[in-house]
Amino acid sequence: MAGGTDVRQHAKALGCAILGEARRNWRLLCVAVIAAAAVYWAIELSDYQGRYDIPAGYAVRMTCEADPESALWSGGCDRVAADIARTDKPSFIELYRAFVTVHHQQIPSPQTRRQFADTICDPAFDQESALRGTRYVFIPLRVHFAQTCTLAYTQAVMQEIDARDRALLSIEREGLSHEALAAGALANLTEPVVIFAGAVIAAALLIL
């Protein structure tokens, strides 16, 4: 009986010590919990993103394959042909940049929108004719051209779509791997909104 009592007392004392330590270091504990939750969220989101990026990259590849009717949409495929032909394994940095390009950049980009914000629309410009016969004619891509009303603006958006599709092809080449998962998670954690939220939480904990 004495031995059992000693064990209970020791366990109670240990529990009180841990609780007291947690109370003294509650800020650090909160930071650790929030950081762990953020990492878990970033990894889960990266997995979800990658599972959609791979078929999206494959779609880019299939769009530019030789076909009896490919002349109807193959314009612009030469711009990503070198990336379609690649068979090498992308590096971690390349994968990270690919995830940033695909999931953390807008099309048109804010820079492009500012560049053409004051541009007068060309009355002679026909968007339908500019996209006809190119891979940009498909409905999922046409939404990016909603505001374009000059040839220069349209070509700038095409270049951004090309960059996004090159990134998708890199992710597709890598497939579902731990390296891709980590690269995507890092891209999610370095999103400016996430960094700002982390700074706000850190500041709040310091003030409390």
N, C-alpha and C. Protein backbone atom coordinates (compact mmCIF):
# COMPACT_ATOMS: atom_id res chain seq x y z
N MET A 1 0.83 -1.21 0.00
CA MET A 1 0.00 0.00 0.00
C MET A 1 0.86 1.26 0.00
N ALA A 2 1.91 1.20 0.79
CA ALA A 2 2.78 2.39 0.87
C ALA A 2 3.41 2.70 -0.48
N GLY A 3 3.80 1.61 -1.15
CA GLY A 3 4.41 1.80 -2.47
C GLY A 3 3.45 2.43 -3.45
N GLY A 4 2.16 1.96 -3.41
CA GLY A 4 1.16 2.53 -4.31
C GLY A 4 0.89 3.98 -4.00
N THR A 5 0.88 4.32 -2.71
CA THR A 5 0.66 5.72 -2.31
C THR A 5 1.80 6.60 -2.80
N ASP A 6 3.02 6.11 -2.69
CA ASP A 6 4.19 6.87 -3.15
C ASP A 6 4.11 7.13 -4.66
N VAL A 7 3.68 6.12 -5.40
CA VAL A 7 3.57 6.27 -6.86
C VAL A 7 2.55 7.33 -7.21
N ARG A 8 1.38 7.29 -6.51
CA ARG A 8 0.33 8.28 -6.79
C ARG A 8 0.80 9.69 -6.44
N GLN A 9 1.48 9.80 -5.32
CA GLN A 9 1.98 11.12 -4.92
C GLN A 9 3.02 11.64 -5.89
N HIS A 10 3.88 10.73 -6.35
CA HIS A 10 4.90 11.12 -7.32
C HIS A 10 4.26 11.56 -8.64
N ALA A 11 3.24 10.81 -9.07
CA ALA A 11 2.54 11.16 -10.31
C ALA A 11 1.84 12.50 -10.16
N LYS A 12 1.23 12.73 -8.98
CA LYS A 12 0.54 14.00 -8.74
C LYS A 12 1.52 15.16 -8.74
N ALA A 13 2.67 14.93 -8.12
CA ALA A 13 3.69 15.98 -8.07
C ALA A 13 4.23 16.29 -9.47
N LEU A 14 4.42 15.23 -10.25
CA LEU A 14 4.91 15.41 -11.62
C LEU A 14 3.89 16.18 -12.45
N GLY A 15 2.59 15.80 -12.28
CA GLY A 15 1.53 16.50 -13.01
C GLY A 15 1.47 17.97 -12.65
N CYS A 16 1.60 18.29 -11.37
CA CYS A 16 1.58 19.68 -10.92
C CYS A 16 2.78 20.45 -11.48
N ALA A 17 3.93 19.77 -11.53
CA ALA A 17 5.13 20.43 -12.06
C ALA A 17 4.97 20.74 -13.55
N ILE A 18 4.40 19.78 -14.30
CA ILE A 18 4.18 19.99 -15.73
C ILE A 18 3.18 21.10 -15.95
N LEU A 19 2.10 21.10 -15.16
CA LEU A 19 1.08 22.14 -15.28
C LEU A 19 1.65 23.51 -14.95
N GLY A 20 2.47 23.57 -13.92
CA GLY A 20 3.09 24.84 -13.56
C GLY A 20 4.03 25.33 -14.65
N GLU A 21 4.79 24.40 -15.24
CA GLU A 21 5.71 24.77 -16.33
C GLU A 21 4.93 25.27 -17.54
N ALA A 22 3.79 24.62 -17.83
CA ALA A 22 2.96 25.04 -18.96
C ALA A 22 2.39 26.43 -18.74
N ARG A 23 2.00 26.72 -17.48
CA ARG A 23 1.46 28.05 -17.16
C ARG A 23 2.52 29.12 -17.31
N ARG A 24 3.74 28.81 -16.92
CA ARG A 24 4.83 29.78 -17.01
C ARG A 24 5.23 30.02 -18.47
N ASN A 25 5.10 28.99 -19.31
CA ASN A 25 5.55 29.09 -20.71
C ASN A 25 4.38 28.94 -21.69
N TRP A 26 3.23 29.51 -21.31
CA TRP A 26 2.04 29.31 -22.14
C TRP A 26 2.19 29.93 -23.52
N ARG A 27 2.93 31.03 -23.61
CA ARG A 27 3.13 31.66 -24.93
C ARG A 27 3.88 30.71 -25.87
N LEU A 28 4.95 30.14 -25.35
CA LEU A 28 5.74 29.20 -26.15
C LEU A 28 4.90 27.99 -26.54
N LEU A 29 4.07 27.52 -25.62
CA LEU A 29 3.20 26.38 -25.89
C LEU A 29 2.19 26.72 -26.99
N CYS A 30 1.63 27.92 -26.92
CA CYS A 30 0.68 28.36 -27.95
C CYS A 30 1.35 28.42 -29.32
N VAL A 31 2.56 28.98 -29.34
CA VAL A 31 3.30 29.07 -30.61
C VAL A 31 3.56 27.68 -31.18
N ALA A 32 3.93 26.74 -30.32
CA ALA A 32 4.22 25.37 -30.78
C ALA A 32 2.96 24.72 -31.35
N VAL A 33 1.83 24.90 -30.67
CA VAL A 33 0.58 24.30 -31.14
C VAL A 33 0.15 24.92 -32.47
N ILE A 34 0.23 26.25 -32.57
CA ILE A 34 -0.16 26.94 -33.80
C ILE A 34 0.76 26.54 -34.95
N ALA A 35 2.07 26.46 -34.67
CA ALA A 35 3.03 26.08 -35.71
C ALA A 35 2.76 24.66 -36.20
N ALA A 36 2.48 23.75 -35.26
CA ALA A 36 2.19 22.37 -35.65
C ALA A 36 0.92 22.31 -36.50
N ALA A 37 -0.10 23.08 -36.12
CA ALA A 37 -1.35 23.10 -36.89
C ALA A 37 -1.11 23.68 -38.28
N ALA A 38 -0.27 24.72 -38.37
CA ALA A 38 0.02 25.34 -39.67
C ALA A 38 0.75 24.37 -40.59
N VAL A 39 1.72 23.66 -40.04
CA VAL A 39 2.46 22.68 -40.85
C VAL A 39 1.54 21.56 -41.33
N TYR A 40 0.67 21.09 -40.43
CA TYR A 40 -0.28 20.04 -40.81
C TYR A 40 -1.20 20.53 -41.92
N TRP A 41 -1.71 21.76 -41.78
CA TRP A 41 -2.58 22.34 -42.81
C TRP A 41 -1.84 22.46 -44.14
N ALA A 42 -0.60 22.94 -44.10
CA ALA A 42 0.18 23.13 -45.33
C ALA A 42 0.43 21.81 -46.04
N ILE A 43 0.70 20.76 -45.28
CA ILE A 43 0.96 19.44 -45.87
C ILE A 43 -0.32 18.86 -46.49
N GLU A 44 -1.43 18.96 -45.76
CA GLU A 44 -2.71 18.45 -46.27
C GLU A 44 -3.12 19.19 -47.53
N LEU A 45 -2.95 20.52 -47.53
CA LEU A 45 -3.30 21.31 -48.71
C LEU A 45 -2.40 20.98 -49.88
N SER A 46 -1.11 20.77 -49.60
CA SER A 46 -0.17 20.41 -50.65
C SER A 46 -0.55 19.09 -51.31
N ASP A 47 -0.96 18.13 -50.50
CA ASP A 47 -1.40 16.83 -51.04
C ASP A 47 -2.62 17.00 -51.94
N TYR A 48 -3.57 17.81 -51.49
CA TYR A 48 -4.78 18.08 -52.28
C TYR A 48 -4.41 18.78 -53.59
N GLN A 49 -3.53 19.77 -53.52
CA GLN A 49 -3.13 20.51 -54.72
C GLN A 49 -2.42 19.60 -55.72
N GLY A 50 -1.49 18.79 -55.22
CA GLY A 50 -0.72 17.92 -56.09
C GLY A 50 -1.59 16.93 -56.84
N ARG A 51 -2.63 16.43 -56.18
CA ARG A 51 -3.50 15.44 -56.82
C ARG A 51 -4.32 16.05 -57.95
N TYR A 52 -4.49 17.37 -57.94
CA TYR A 52 -5.15 18.05 -59.05
C TYR A 52 -4.16 18.56 -60.09
N ASP A 53 -2.94 18.89 -59.64
CA ASP A 53 -1.93 19.43 -60.55
C ASP A 53 -1.44 18.39 -61.54
N ILE A 54 -1.33 17.15 -61.10
CA ILE A 54 -0.81 16.10 -61.99
C ILE A 54 -1.72 15.90 -63.21
N PRO A 55 -3.04 15.71 -63.06
CA PRO A 55 -3.88 15.61 -64.25
C PRO A 55 -3.93 16.91 -65.05
N ALA A 56 -3.77 18.07 -64.38
CA ALA A 56 -3.75 19.34 -65.10
C ALA A 56 -2.51 19.42 -65.99
N GLY A 57 -1.36 18.97 -65.47
CA GLY A 57 -0.15 18.94 -66.28
C GLY A 57 -0.27 17.97 -67.43
N TYR A 58 -0.90 16.82 -67.16
CA TYR A 58 -1.12 15.83 -68.22
C TYR A 58 -2.03 16.40 -69.30
N ALA A 59 -3.00 17.22 -68.92
CA ALA A 59 -3.90 17.84 -69.89
C ALA A 59 -3.13 18.78 -70.81
N VAL A 60 -2.16 19.52 -70.26
CA VAL A 60 -1.32 20.38 -71.10
C VAL A 60 -0.56 19.54 -72.11
N ARG A 61 -0.02 18.43 -71.65
CA ARG A 61 0.73 17.53 -72.53
C ARG A 61 -0.17 16.96 -73.63
N MET A 62 -1.37 16.53 -73.25
CA MET A 62 -2.28 15.92 -74.22
C MET A 62 -2.79 16.94 -75.25
N THR A 63 -3.00 18.17 -74.81
CA THR A 63 -3.48 19.22 -75.72
C THR A 63 -2.51 19.43 -76.87
N CYS A 64 -1.24 19.28 -76.59
CA CYS A 64 -0.22 19.57 -77.60
C CYS A 64 0.28 18.32 -78.33
N GLU A 65 -0.37 17.18 -78.12
CA GLU A 65 0.00 15.98 -78.86
C GLU A 65 -0.51 16.07 -80.30
N ALA A 66 0.19 15.38 -81.19
CA ALA A 66 -0.20 15.37 -82.60
C ALA A 66 -1.57 14.71 -82.75
N ASP A 67 -2.41 15.36 -83.54
CA ASP A 67 -3.78 14.89 -83.73
C ASP A 67 -4.25 15.35 -85.10
N PRO A 68 -5.10 14.59 -85.78
CA PRO A 68 -5.58 15.03 -87.11
C PRO A 68 -6.24 16.40 -87.09
N GLU A 69 -6.81 16.79 -85.95
CA GLU A 69 -7.48 18.08 -85.86
C GLU A 69 -6.74 19.07 -84.97
N SER A 70 -5.49 18.75 -84.62
CA SER A 70 -4.76 19.59 -83.67
C SER A 70 -4.48 20.99 -84.20
N ALA A 71 -4.57 21.18 -85.51
CA ALA A 71 -4.36 22.51 -86.08
C ALA A 71 -5.38 23.51 -85.55
N LEU A 72 -6.49 23.00 -85.05
CA LEU A 72 -7.55 23.87 -84.52
C LEU A 72 -7.17 24.49 -83.18
N TRP A 73 -6.17 23.89 -82.49
CA TRP A 73 -5.83 24.39 -81.16
C TRP A 73 -4.35 24.30 -80.80
N SER A 74 -3.51 23.94 -81.74
CA SER A 74 -2.10 23.70 -81.40
C SER A 74 -1.24 24.96 -81.40
N GLY A 75 -1.79 26.08 -81.77
CA GLY A 75 -1.02 27.31 -81.72
C GLY A 75 -0.57 27.61 -80.31
N GLY A 76 0.69 27.93 -80.13
CA GLY A 76 1.23 28.20 -78.79
C GLY A 76 1.86 26.99 -78.13
N CYS A 77 1.65 25.81 -78.71
CA CYS A 77 2.26 24.61 -78.13
C CYS A 77 3.78 24.64 -78.24
N ASP A 78 4.29 25.35 -79.25
CA ASP A 78 5.74 25.46 -79.41
C ASP A 78 6.38 26.17 -78.22
N ARG A 79 5.58 26.97 -77.52
CA ARG A 79 6.11 27.73 -76.39
C ARG A 79 6.37 26.85 -75.17
N VAL A 80 5.71 25.70 -75.10
CA VAL A 80 5.92 24.78 -73.97
C VAL A 80 6.46 23.43 -74.43
N ALA A 81 6.81 23.35 -75.72
CA ALA A 81 7.26 22.07 -76.29
C ALA A 81 8.50 21.53 -75.57
N ALA A 82 9.44 22.41 -75.25
CA ALA A 82 10.67 21.96 -74.58
C ALA A 82 10.36 21.37 -73.21
N ASP A 83 9.39 21.94 -72.51
CA ASP A 83 9.03 21.42 -71.18
C ASP A 83 8.27 20.11 -71.29
N ILE A 84 7.46 19.97 -72.34
CA ILE A 84 6.74 18.71 -72.57
C ILE A 84 7.73 17.59 -72.85
N ALA A 85 8.81 17.93 -73.55
CA ALA A 85 9.80 16.91 -73.93
C ALA A 85 10.72 16.51 -72.78
N ARG A 86 10.76 17.29 -71.73
CA ARG A 86 11.67 16.98 -70.62
C ARG A 86 11.27 15.70 -69.91
N THR A 87 12.26 14.94 -69.51
CA THR A 87 12.03 13.70 -68.75
C THR A 87 12.82 13.68 -67.45
N ASP A 88 13.59 14.76 -67.19
CA ASP A 88 14.42 14.79 -65.99
C ASP A 88 13.57 15.03 -64.75
N LYS A 89 14.12 14.68 -63.62
CA LYS A 89 13.45 14.86 -62.34
C LYS A 89 13.66 16.29 -61.87
N PRO A 90 12.59 17.04 -61.60
CA PRO A 90 12.77 18.42 -61.15
C PRO A 90 13.40 18.48 -59.76
N SER A 91 14.19 19.52 -59.54
CA SER A 91 14.81 19.72 -58.23
C SER A 91 13.77 20.23 -57.23
N PHE A 92 14.14 20.22 -55.96
CA PHE A 92 13.22 20.71 -54.93
C PHE A 92 12.90 22.18 -55.15
N ILE A 93 13.91 22.97 -55.51
CA ILE A 93 13.70 24.41 -55.75
C ILE A 93 12.74 24.60 -56.93
N GLU A 94 12.93 23.82 -57.98
CA GLU A 94 12.04 23.92 -59.14
C GLU A 94 10.61 23.56 -58.75
N LEU A 95 10.45 22.54 -57.94
CA LEU A 95 9.12 22.14 -57.49
C LEU A 95 8.49 23.23 -56.62
N TYR A 96 9.29 23.80 -55.73
CA TYR A 96 8.79 24.88 -54.88
C TYR A 96 8.29 26.05 -55.73
N ARG A 97 9.10 26.45 -56.68
CA ARG A 97 8.71 27.56 -57.56
C ARG A 97 7.49 27.21 -58.39
N ALA A 98 7.39 25.94 -58.78
CA ALA A 98 6.23 25.49 -59.55
C ALA A 98 4.94 25.62 -58.73
N PHE A 99 4.99 25.18 -57.47
CA PHE A 99 3.81 25.30 -56.61
C PHE A 99 3.45 26.76 -56.36
N VAL A 100 4.45 27.61 -56.20
CA VAL A 100 4.19 29.04 -56.02
C VAL A 100 3.51 29.61 -57.26
N THR A 101 4.03 29.25 -58.43
CA THR A 101 3.47 29.77 -59.68
C THR A 101 2.03 29.31 -59.88
N VAL A 102 1.77 28.04 -59.63
CA VAL A 102 0.44 27.48 -59.89
C VAL A 102 -0.59 27.96 -58.88
N HIS A 103 -0.22 28.01 -57.60
CA HIS A 103 -1.22 28.22 -56.55
C HIS A 103 -1.16 29.57 -55.84
N HIS A 104 -0.09 30.32 -56.07
CA HIS A 104 0.04 31.57 -55.32
C HIS A 104 0.30 32.77 -56.22
N GLN A 105 -0.01 32.63 -57.50
CA GLN A 105 0.09 33.75 -58.44
C GLN A 105 -1.18 33.82 -59.28
N GLN A 106 -1.64 35.03 -59.50
CA GLN A 106 -2.86 35.24 -60.26
C GLN A 106 -2.55 35.41 -61.74
N ILE A 107 -3.53 35.11 -62.58
CA ILE A 107 -3.45 35.37 -64.02
C ILE A 107 -4.71 36.13 -64.42
N PRO A 108 -4.56 37.35 -64.95
CA PRO A 108 -3.33 38.13 -65.09
C PRO A 108 -2.78 38.53 -63.72
N SER A 109 -1.49 38.71 -63.65
CA SER A 109 -0.84 39.10 -62.41
C SER A 109 -1.16 40.56 -62.09
N PRO A 110 -1.06 40.95 -60.84
CA PRO A 110 -1.28 42.36 -60.50
C PRO A 110 -0.39 43.31 -61.30
N GLN A 111 0.85 42.89 -61.57
CA GLN A 111 1.76 43.73 -62.34
C GLN A 111 1.24 43.93 -63.76
N THR A 112 0.75 42.86 -64.36
CA THR A 112 0.22 42.96 -65.73
C THR A 112 -1.03 43.83 -65.76
N ARG A 113 -1.90 43.65 -64.76
CA ARG A 113 -3.11 44.47 -64.71
C ARG A 113 -2.77 45.96 -64.56
N ARG A 114 -1.77 46.26 -63.74
CA ARG A 114 -1.36 47.65 -63.58
C ARG A 114 -0.75 48.19 -64.87
N GLN A 115 0.03 47.34 -65.53
CA GLN A 115 0.69 47.75 -66.76
C GLN A 115 -0.30 48.19 -67.83
N PHE A 116 -1.43 47.48 -67.90
CA PHE A 116 -2.41 47.76 -68.95
C PHE A 116 -3.67 48.47 -68.43
N ALA A 117 -3.61 48.92 -67.17
CA ALA A 117 -4.80 49.54 -66.57
C ALA A 117 -5.25 50.78 -67.32
N ASP A 118 -4.29 51.58 -67.79
CA ASP A 118 -4.64 52.83 -68.47
C ASP A 118 -4.54 52.73 -69.98
N THR A 119 -4.38 51.51 -70.47
CA THR A 119 -4.28 51.32 -71.92
C THR A 119 -5.66 51.45 -72.57
N ILE A 120 -5.70 52.22 -73.63
CA ILE A 120 -6.96 52.40 -74.37
C ILE A 120 -7.21 51.17 -75.22
N CYS A 121 -8.43 50.66 -75.16
CA CYS A 121 -8.77 49.48 -75.94
C CYS A 121 -8.65 49.75 -77.44
N ASP A 122 -8.17 48.76 -78.14
CA ASP A 122 -8.02 48.86 -79.59
C ASP A 122 -9.34 48.46 -80.25
N PRO A 123 -10.02 49.38 -80.89
CA PRO A 123 -11.32 49.05 -81.50
C PRO A 123 -11.21 48.01 -82.61
N ALA A 124 -10.02 47.87 -83.17
CA ALA A 124 -9.84 46.90 -84.25
C ALA A 124 -9.46 45.52 -83.73
N PHE A 125 -9.21 45.43 -82.42
CA PHE A 125 -8.78 44.15 -81.86
C PHE A 125 -9.96 43.20 -81.73
N ASP A 126 -9.77 41.97 -82.20
CA ASP A 126 -10.80 40.93 -82.11
C ASP A 126 -10.22 39.78 -81.28
N GLN A 127 -10.68 39.65 -80.05
CA GLN A 127 -10.15 38.63 -79.17
C GLN A 127 -10.38 37.23 -79.72
N GLU A 128 -11.55 37.00 -80.30
CA GLU A 128 -11.87 35.69 -80.85
C GLU A 128 -10.87 35.28 -81.92
N SER A 129 -10.51 36.22 -82.78
CA SER A 129 -9.53 35.93 -83.84
C SER A 129 -8.14 35.70 -83.25
N ALA A 130 -7.81 36.45 -82.18
CA ALA A 130 -6.49 36.33 -81.57
C ALA A 130 -6.30 34.97 -80.92
N LEU A 131 -7.37 34.37 -80.41
CA LEU A 131 -7.28 33.09 -79.72
C LEU A 131 -7.55 31.90 -80.63
N ARG A 132 -8.19 32.14 -81.75
CA ARG A 132 -8.56 31.04 -82.63
C ARG A 132 -7.32 30.29 -83.11
N GLY A 133 -7.38 28.97 -83.07
CA GLY A 133 -6.27 28.14 -83.54
C GLY A 133 -5.16 27.95 -82.52
N THR A 134 -5.37 28.48 -81.31
CA THR A 134 -4.35 28.34 -80.26
C THR A 134 -4.88 27.49 -79.11
N ARG A 135 -3.99 27.05 -78.26
CA ARG A 135 -4.40 26.24 -77.12
C ARG A 135 -5.10 27.08 -76.05
N TYR A 136 -5.06 28.40 -76.22
CA TYR A 136 -5.71 29.29 -75.26
C TYR A 136 -7.20 29.46 -75.55
N VAL A 137 -7.68 28.82 -76.60
CA VAL A 137 -9.06 28.99 -77.02
C VAL A 137 -10.03 28.20 -76.12
N PHE A 138 -9.50 27.22 -75.39
CA PHE A 138 -10.37 26.38 -74.56
C PHE A 138 -10.97 27.19 -73.41
N ILE A 139 -12.19 26.84 -73.06
CA ILE A 139 -12.96 27.61 -72.09
C ILE A 139 -12.24 27.79 -70.75
N PRO A 140 -11.59 26.75 -70.16
CA PRO A 140 -10.92 26.97 -68.86
C PRO A 140 -9.85 28.06 -68.90
N LEU A 141 -9.28 28.33 -70.07
CA LEU A 141 -8.24 29.36 -70.19
C LEU A 141 -8.81 30.71 -70.59
N ARG A 142 -9.94 30.71 -71.25
CA ARG A 142 -10.50 31.96 -71.78
C ARG A 142 -10.84 32.96 -70.68
N VAL A 143 -11.14 32.45 -69.49
CA VAL A 143 -11.49 33.35 -68.39
C VAL A 143 -10.36 34.33 -68.08
N HIS A 144 -9.13 33.93 -68.34
CA HIS A 144 -7.98 34.80 -68.06
C HIS A 144 -7.91 35.98 -69.02
N PHE A 145 -8.62 35.90 -70.13
CA PHE A 145 -8.57 36.95 -71.14
C PHE A 145 -9.78 37.88 -71.06
N ALA A 146 -10.54 37.78 -69.97
CA ALA A 146 -11.79 38.53 -69.87
C ALA A 146 -11.59 40.03 -70.01
N GLN A 147 -10.46 40.55 -69.51
CA GLN A 147 -10.23 42.00 -69.52
C GLN A 147 -9.32 42.46 -70.65
N THR A 148 -8.83 41.56 -71.46
CA THR A 148 -7.88 41.95 -72.50
C THR A 148 -8.62 42.56 -73.69
N CYS A 149 -8.13 43.69 -74.13
CA CYS A 149 -8.76 44.35 -75.28
C CYS A 149 -7.73 44.92 -76.24
N THR A 150 -6.46 44.48 -76.07
CA THR A 150 -5.41 44.81 -77.02
C THR A 150 -4.57 43.56 -77.25
N LEU A 151 -3.86 43.52 -78.36
CA LEU A 151 -3.03 42.36 -78.67
C LEU A 151 -1.90 42.22 -77.65
N ALA A 152 -1.32 43.34 -77.22
CA ALA A 152 -0.21 43.28 -76.27
C ALA A 152 -0.65 42.69 -74.94
N TYR A 153 -1.84 43.09 -74.46
CA TYR A 153 -2.38 42.57 -73.20
C TYR A 153 -2.64 41.08 -73.34
N THR A 154 -3.21 40.69 -74.46
CA THR A 154 -3.51 39.27 -74.70
C THR A 154 -2.24 38.43 -74.70
N GLN A 155 -1.20 38.93 -75.35
CA GLN A 155 0.07 38.19 -75.41
C GLN A 155 0.73 38.11 -74.03
N ALA A 156 0.57 39.16 -73.23
CA ALA A 156 1.12 39.13 -71.87
C ALA A 156 0.44 38.05 -71.04
N VAL A 157 -0.88 37.92 -71.19
CA VAL A 157 -1.61 36.87 -70.46
C VAL A 157 -1.19 35.49 -70.97
N MET A 158 -0.98 35.36 -72.27
CA MET A 158 -0.52 34.08 -72.83
C MET A 158 0.80 33.67 -72.20
N GLN A 159 1.71 34.62 -72.02
CA GLN A 159 3.01 34.31 -71.42
C GLN A 159 2.86 33.83 -69.98
N GLU A 160 1.92 34.41 -69.26
CA GLU A 160 1.70 33.98 -67.87
C GLU A 160 1.06 32.59 -67.82
N ILE A 161 0.19 32.30 -68.75
CA ILE A 161 -0.38 30.95 -68.84
C ILE A 161 0.72 29.94 -69.18
N ASP A 162 1.62 30.33 -70.08
CA ASP A 162 2.75 29.46 -70.42
C ASP A 162 3.57 29.14 -69.18
N ALA A 163 3.86 30.17 -68.36
CA ALA A 163 4.65 29.96 -67.15
C ALA A 163 3.92 29.02 -66.19
N ARG A 164 2.60 29.20 -66.06
CA ARG A 164 1.82 28.33 -65.18
C ARG A 164 1.83 26.90 -65.70
N ASP A 165 1.71 26.72 -67.02
CA ASP A 165 1.68 25.37 -67.58
C ASP A 165 3.04 24.69 -67.49
N ARG A 166 4.12 25.44 -67.61
CA ARG A 166 5.46 24.86 -67.40
C ARG A 166 5.59 24.35 -65.97
N ALA A 167 5.04 25.12 -65.04
CA ALA A 167 5.06 24.70 -63.63
C ALA A 167 4.24 23.43 -63.43
N LEU A 168 3.07 23.37 -64.06
CA LEU A 168 2.24 22.16 -63.96
C LEU A 168 2.96 20.94 -64.54
N LEU A 169 3.68 21.14 -65.61
CA LEU A 169 4.42 20.03 -66.22
C LEU A 169 5.54 19.55 -65.30
N SER A 170 6.16 20.46 -64.56
CA SER A 170 7.20 20.07 -63.60
C SER A 170 6.60 19.22 -62.49
N ILE A 171 5.44 19.65 -61.97
CA ILE A 171 4.78 18.89 -60.91
C ILE A 171 4.33 17.53 -61.43
N GLU A 172 3.83 17.52 -62.67
CA GLU A 172 3.37 16.25 -63.26
C GLU A 172 4.54 15.28 -63.45
N ARG A 173 5.72 15.80 -63.82
CA ARG A 173 6.88 14.93 -64.00
C ARG A 173 7.32 14.31 -62.68
N GLU A 174 7.19 15.06 -61.60
CA GLU A 174 7.60 14.56 -60.30
C GLU A 174 6.62 13.54 -59.76
N GLY A 175 5.32 13.78 -59.96
CA GLY A 175 4.30 12.86 -59.46
C GLY A 175 4.08 13.05 -57.96
N LEU A 176 3.39 12.10 -57.36
CA LEU A 176 3.08 12.15 -55.93
C LEU A 176 4.26 11.61 -55.13
N SER A 177 5.15 12.50 -54.76
CA SER A 177 6.33 12.10 -53.99
C SER A 177 6.41 12.93 -52.71
N HIS A 178 7.24 12.47 -51.78
CA HIS A 178 7.44 13.22 -50.55
C HIS A 178 8.10 14.58 -50.83
N GLU A 179 8.97 14.61 -51.84
CA GLU A 179 9.64 15.86 -52.17
C GLU A 179 8.64 16.89 -52.69
N ALA A 180 7.72 16.43 -53.55
CA ALA A 180 6.68 17.33 -54.07
C ALA A 180 5.77 17.79 -52.94
N LEU A 181 5.44 16.89 -52.04
CA LEU A 181 4.59 17.23 -50.90
C LEU A 181 5.25 18.30 -50.04
N ALA A 182 6.55 18.15 -49.78
CA ALA A 182 7.28 19.11 -48.97
C ALA A 182 7.40 20.46 -49.68
N ALA A 183 7.65 20.41 -50.99
CA ALA A 183 7.78 21.66 -51.76
C ALA A 183 6.46 22.43 -51.76
N GLY A 184 5.35 21.71 -51.94
CA GLY A 184 4.05 22.35 -51.92
C GLY A 184 3.71 22.91 -50.55
N ALA A 185 4.06 22.17 -49.50
CA ALA A 185 3.81 22.64 -48.14
C ALA A 185 4.60 23.91 -47.85
N LEU A 186 5.87 23.94 -48.29
CA LEU A 186 6.70 25.13 -48.08
C LEU A 186 6.12 26.32 -48.84
N ALA A 187 5.63 26.08 -50.06
CA ALA A 187 5.01 27.15 -50.83
C ALA A 187 3.78 27.70 -50.11
N ASN A 188 3.01 26.83 -49.49
CA ASN A 188 1.82 27.27 -48.75
C ASN A 188 2.21 28.07 -47.50
N LEU A 189 3.26 27.63 -46.83
CA LEU A 189 3.69 28.32 -45.60
C LEU A 189 4.32 29.67 -45.88
N THR A 190 4.90 29.85 -47.07
CA THR A 190 5.54 31.13 -47.41
C THR A 190 4.62 32.06 -48.19
N GLU A 191 3.35 31.68 -48.29
CA GLU A 191 2.36 32.58 -48.86
C GLU A 191 2.30 33.85 -48.00
N PRO A 192 2.35 35.05 -48.62
CA PRO A 192 2.36 36.30 -47.84
C PRO A 192 1.24 36.41 -46.81
N VAL A 193 0.05 35.93 -47.15
CA VAL A 193 -1.07 36.00 -46.21
C VAL A 193 -0.78 35.16 -44.96
N VAL A 194 -0.18 33.98 -45.16
CA VAL A 194 0.16 33.11 -44.03
C VAL A 194 1.23 33.75 -43.17
N ILE A 195 2.24 34.34 -43.81
CA ILE A 195 3.31 35.01 -43.05
C ILE A 195 2.73 36.18 -42.26
N PHE A 196 1.84 36.94 -42.87
CA PHE A 196 1.22 38.08 -42.17
C PHE A 196 0.40 37.59 -40.97
N ALA A 197 -0.36 36.52 -41.18
CA ALA A 197 -1.16 35.97 -40.08
C ALA A 197 -0.26 35.51 -38.95
N GLY A 198 0.86 34.87 -39.28
CA GLY A 198 1.81 34.44 -38.26
C GLY A 198 2.39 35.61 -37.49
N ALA A 199 2.69 36.70 -38.21
CA ALA A 199 3.24 37.89 -37.55
C ALA A 199 2.21 38.51 -36.60
N VAL A 200 0.95 38.54 -37.03
CA VAL A 200 -0.12 39.09 -36.18
C VAL A 200 -0.28 38.27 -34.91
N ILE A 201 -0.27 36.94 -35.06
CA ILE A 201 -0.42 36.06 -33.89
C ILE A 201 0.75 36.22 -32.95
N ALA A 202 1.97 36.30 -33.50
CA ALA A 202 3.15 36.47 -32.68
C ALA A 202 3.10 37.80 -31.91
N ALA A 203 2.66 38.85 -32.61
CA ALA A 203 2.56 40.16 -31.95
C ALA A 203 1.51 40.13 -30.83
N ALA A 204 0.38 39.45 -31.09
CA ALA A 204 -0.67 39.35 -30.08
C ALA A 204 -0.18 38.60 -28.84
N LEU A 205 0.58 37.54 -29.03
CA LEU A 205 1.11 36.77 -27.90
C LEU A 205 2.11 37.58 -27.09
N LEU A 206 2.88 38.44 -27.78
CA LEU A 206 3.86 39.27 -27.07
C LEU A 206 3.17 40.33 -26.23
N ILE A 207 2.03 40.84 -26.76
CA ILE A 207 1.31 41.90 -26.05
C ILE A 207 0.59 41.35 -24.82
N LEU A 208 0.04 40.14 -24.94
CA LEU A 208 -0.73 39.56 -23.83
C LEU A 208 0.15 39.27 -22.61
